[in-house]
Amino acid sequence: MPKQSAEYPAQRSAEPGRLVGEWRALLDRHAVVSSALEKALQEQHQIGLSEFETLDRLMDADCDDYRMSELAADIHLSQSALSRAVARLERDGLVRRIMCPEDRRAITVCATDRGREVHAQAQPTHRAILSDTWELPSQPYC
C-alpha cells in the first residue's frame, strides 16, 4: 500500500458494510445541510442554526409557555447546548424565560414578538436552503 501523502490520500483497508455506509452517508448529509443552513442563517439573519431551530420548535408548539424539559426532549441539542441557545435568544430579546408558578423548579420559554418576527423572516431562508441541499449526493461508502 502506498504511503499517505497529498498524491496518495488515506486508503481504506476494506469497504464498510451496508449499515456503516448508510450511517456515514447520513452524517455526510447532516454536515452538508447543517453547514449550509448555519452559513445562510448567520449571513442573512444574524441567527445561528441552534437558535433558529429553537425558535422553530417554539413556533411549531404554538403555545405561550414551553417547558425547557419538553423543549430539550423535542430538539436534538444537549441540555447545555439548549441552555446556551436559549440564553443567546433571551439576550437578543427573542425569547423570555419564566419560572413556572406551579412548579418553581421548571422554567418555561416563550417567543417574544421580536422572536416571532425574526423567525418569520428567517424561515423562508431555512426552508429554501434545506430544499436546495437535501438531495445533494454524498460520498458512496459501500
Protein backbone atom coordinates (compact mmCIF):
# COMPACT_ATOMS: atom_id res chain seq x y z
CA MET A 1 0.00 0.00 0.00
CA PRO A 2 1.43 3.44 -0.87
CA LYS A 3 2.36 5.93 1.84
CA GLN A 4 -0.22 8.56 2.74
CA SER A 5 0.55 11.91 1.06
CA ALA A 6 -1.16 14.59 -0.98
CA GLU A 7 -0.66 12.37 -4.02
CA TYR A 8 -1.92 9.27 -2.19
CA PRO A 9 -4.69 10.16 0.29
CA ALA A 10 -5.55 7.78 3.11
CA GLN A 11 -6.53 4.39 1.79
CA ARG A 12 -9.34 2.29 3.21
CA SER A 13 -8.32 -1.22 4.10
CA ALA A 14 -11.83 -2.58 3.43
CA GLU A 15 -15.21 -1.32 2.37
CA PRO A 16 -17.60 -0.77 5.28
CA GLY A 17 -20.77 -2.78 5.49
CA ARG A 18 -24.12 -1.50 4.25
CA LEU A 19 -25.23 -0.23 7.67
CA VAL A 20 -21.98 1.64 8.30
CA GLY A 21 -22.14 3.07 4.78
CA GLU A 22 -25.67 4.34 5.34
CA TRP A 23 -24.64 5.82 8.69
CA ARG A 24 -21.72 7.67 7.09
CA ALA A 25 -23.93 8.93 4.27
CA LEU A 26 -26.38 10.27 6.88
CA LEU A 27 -23.53 12.02 8.71
CA ASP A 28 -22.32 13.49 5.40
CA ARG A 29 -25.81 14.76 4.57
CA HIS A 30 -26.19 16.26 8.03
CA ALA A 31 -22.82 18.02 7.73
CA VAL A 32 -23.59 19.47 4.29
CA VAL A 33 -27.13 20.59 5.16
CA SER A 34 -26.37 21.98 8.62
CA SER A 35 -23.29 23.84 7.37
CA ALA A 36 -25.28 25.46 4.56
CA LEU A 37 -28.11 26.36 6.95
CA GLU A 38 -25.72 27.81 9.54
CA LYS A 39 -23.96 29.94 6.92
CA ALA A 40 -27.15 31.28 5.31
CA LEU A 41 -28.93 31.99 8.60
CA GLN A 42 -25.88 33.79 10.03
CA GLU A 43 -25.22 35.83 6.90
CA GLN A 44 -28.80 36.77 6.11
CA HIS A 45 -30.47 36.93 9.53
CA GLN A 46 -27.65 37.05 12.13
CA ILE A 47 -29.02 33.96 13.88
CA GLY A 48 -27.34 30.61 14.38
CA LEU A 49 -28.84 27.28 13.40
CA SER A 50 -29.34 26.16 17.02
CA GLU A 51 -31.13 29.40 17.81
CA PHE A 52 -33.29 29.15 14.70
CA GLU A 53 -34.18 25.51 15.46
CA THR A 54 -35.14 26.52 19.00
CA LEU A 55 -37.38 29.33 17.69
CA ASP A 56 -38.79 26.99 15.06
CA ARG A 57 -39.79 24.45 17.74
CA LEU A 58 -41.37 27.22 19.80
CA MET A 59 -43.39 28.35 16.76
CA ASP A 60 -44.41 24.76 15.94
CA ALA A 61 -45.61 24.22 19.51
CA ASP A 62 -47.92 27.23 19.13
CA CYS A 63 -48.12 27.80 22.85
CA ASP A 64 -47.17 30.64 25.14
CA ASP A 65 -45.16 28.53 27.54
CA TYR A 66 -42.89 25.67 26.53
CA ARG A 67 -41.15 23.92 29.38
CA MET A 68 -37.40 23.71 28.91
CA SER A 69 -37.54 20.00 29.75
CA GLU A 70 -40.08 19.40 26.97
CA LEU A 71 -38.13 21.55 24.54
CA ALA A 72 -34.99 19.56 25.36
CA ALA A 73 -36.82 16.32 24.57
CA ASP A 74 -38.06 17.73 21.23
CA ILE A 75 -34.84 19.26 19.93
CA HIS A 76 -31.61 17.47 19.12
CA LEU A 77 -29.33 19.51 21.34
CA SER A 78 -27.73 18.58 24.63
CA GLN A 79 -29.22 20.21 27.71
CA SER A 80 -26.23 22.55 27.98
CA ALA A 81 -26.31 23.45 24.26
CA LEU A 82 -30.03 24.20 24.51
CA SER A 83 -29.47 26.32 27.62
CA ARG A 84 -26.79 28.32 25.80
CA ALA A 85 -29.02 28.76 22.71
CA VAL A 86 -31.94 29.93 24.86
CA ALA A 87 -29.61 32.31 26.77
CA ARG A 88 -28.46 33.85 23.46
CA LEU A 89 -32.07 34.16 22.27
CA GLU A 90 -33.03 35.78 25.57
CA ARG A 91 -30.05 38.16 25.42
CA ASP A 92 -31.18 39.23 21.93
CA GLY A 93 -34.77 39.75 23.10
CA LEU A 94 -36.19 36.88 21.03
CA VAL A 95 -37.47 34.72 23.91
CA ARG A 96 -38.34 35.08 27.59
CA ARG A 97 -37.60 32.53 30.28
CA ILE A 98 -40.11 32.40 33.10
CA MET A 99 -40.16 30.33 36.26
CA CYS A 100 -43.27 28.16 36.28
CA PRO A 101 -45.58 29.34 39.10
CA GLU A 102 -46.96 25.81 39.66
CA ASP A 103 -43.54 24.17 39.83
CA ARG A 104 -40.76 26.55 40.77
CA ARG A 105 -38.18 24.01 39.55
CA ALA A 106 -39.49 24.27 35.99
CA ILE A 107 -38.58 27.00 33.53
CA THR A 108 -40.78 27.86 30.57
CA VAL A 109 -39.68 29.59 27.39
CA CYS A 110 -41.82 31.73 25.13
CA ALA A 111 -41.05 33.69 22.00
CA THR A 112 -41.34 37.46 22.11
CA ASP A 113 -42.92 39.50 19.35
CA ARG A 114 -39.38 40.21 18.10
CA GLY A 115 -38.63 36.46 18.18
CA ARG A 116 -41.72 35.72 16.09
CA GLU A 117 -40.66 38.44 13.64
CA VAL A 118 -37.10 37.09 13.30
CA HIS A 119 -38.44 33.57 12.85
CA ALA A 120 -40.88 34.71 10.14
CA GLN A 121 -38.03 36.44 8.29
CA ALA A 122 -35.58 33.53 8.62
CA GLN A 123 -37.96 30.64 7.99
CA PRO A 124 -38.10 31.03 4.18
CA THR A 125 -34.28 31.04 4.07
CA HIS A 126 -34.15 27.92 6.24
CA ARG A 127 -36.69 26.07 4.12
CA ALA A 128 -35.05 27.12 0.82
CA ILE A 129 -31.56 26.02 1.92
CA LEU A 130 -33.00 22.80 3.30
CA SER A 131 -34.70 22.11 -0.01
CA ASP A 132 -31.62 23.05 -2.06
CA THR A 133 -29.16 20.92 -0.08
CA TRP A 134 -31.22 17.91 0.98
CA GLU A 135 -30.70 15.83 -2.15
CA LEU A 136 -27.04 16.69 -2.80
CA PRO A 137 -25.09 13.50 -3.46
CA SER A 138 -22.76 12.25 -0.76
CA GLN A 139 -19.68 10.09 -0.99
CA PRO A 140 -20.60 6.44 -1.50
CA TYR A 141 -19.31 4.20 1.26
CA CYS A 142 -20.49 0.80 0.11
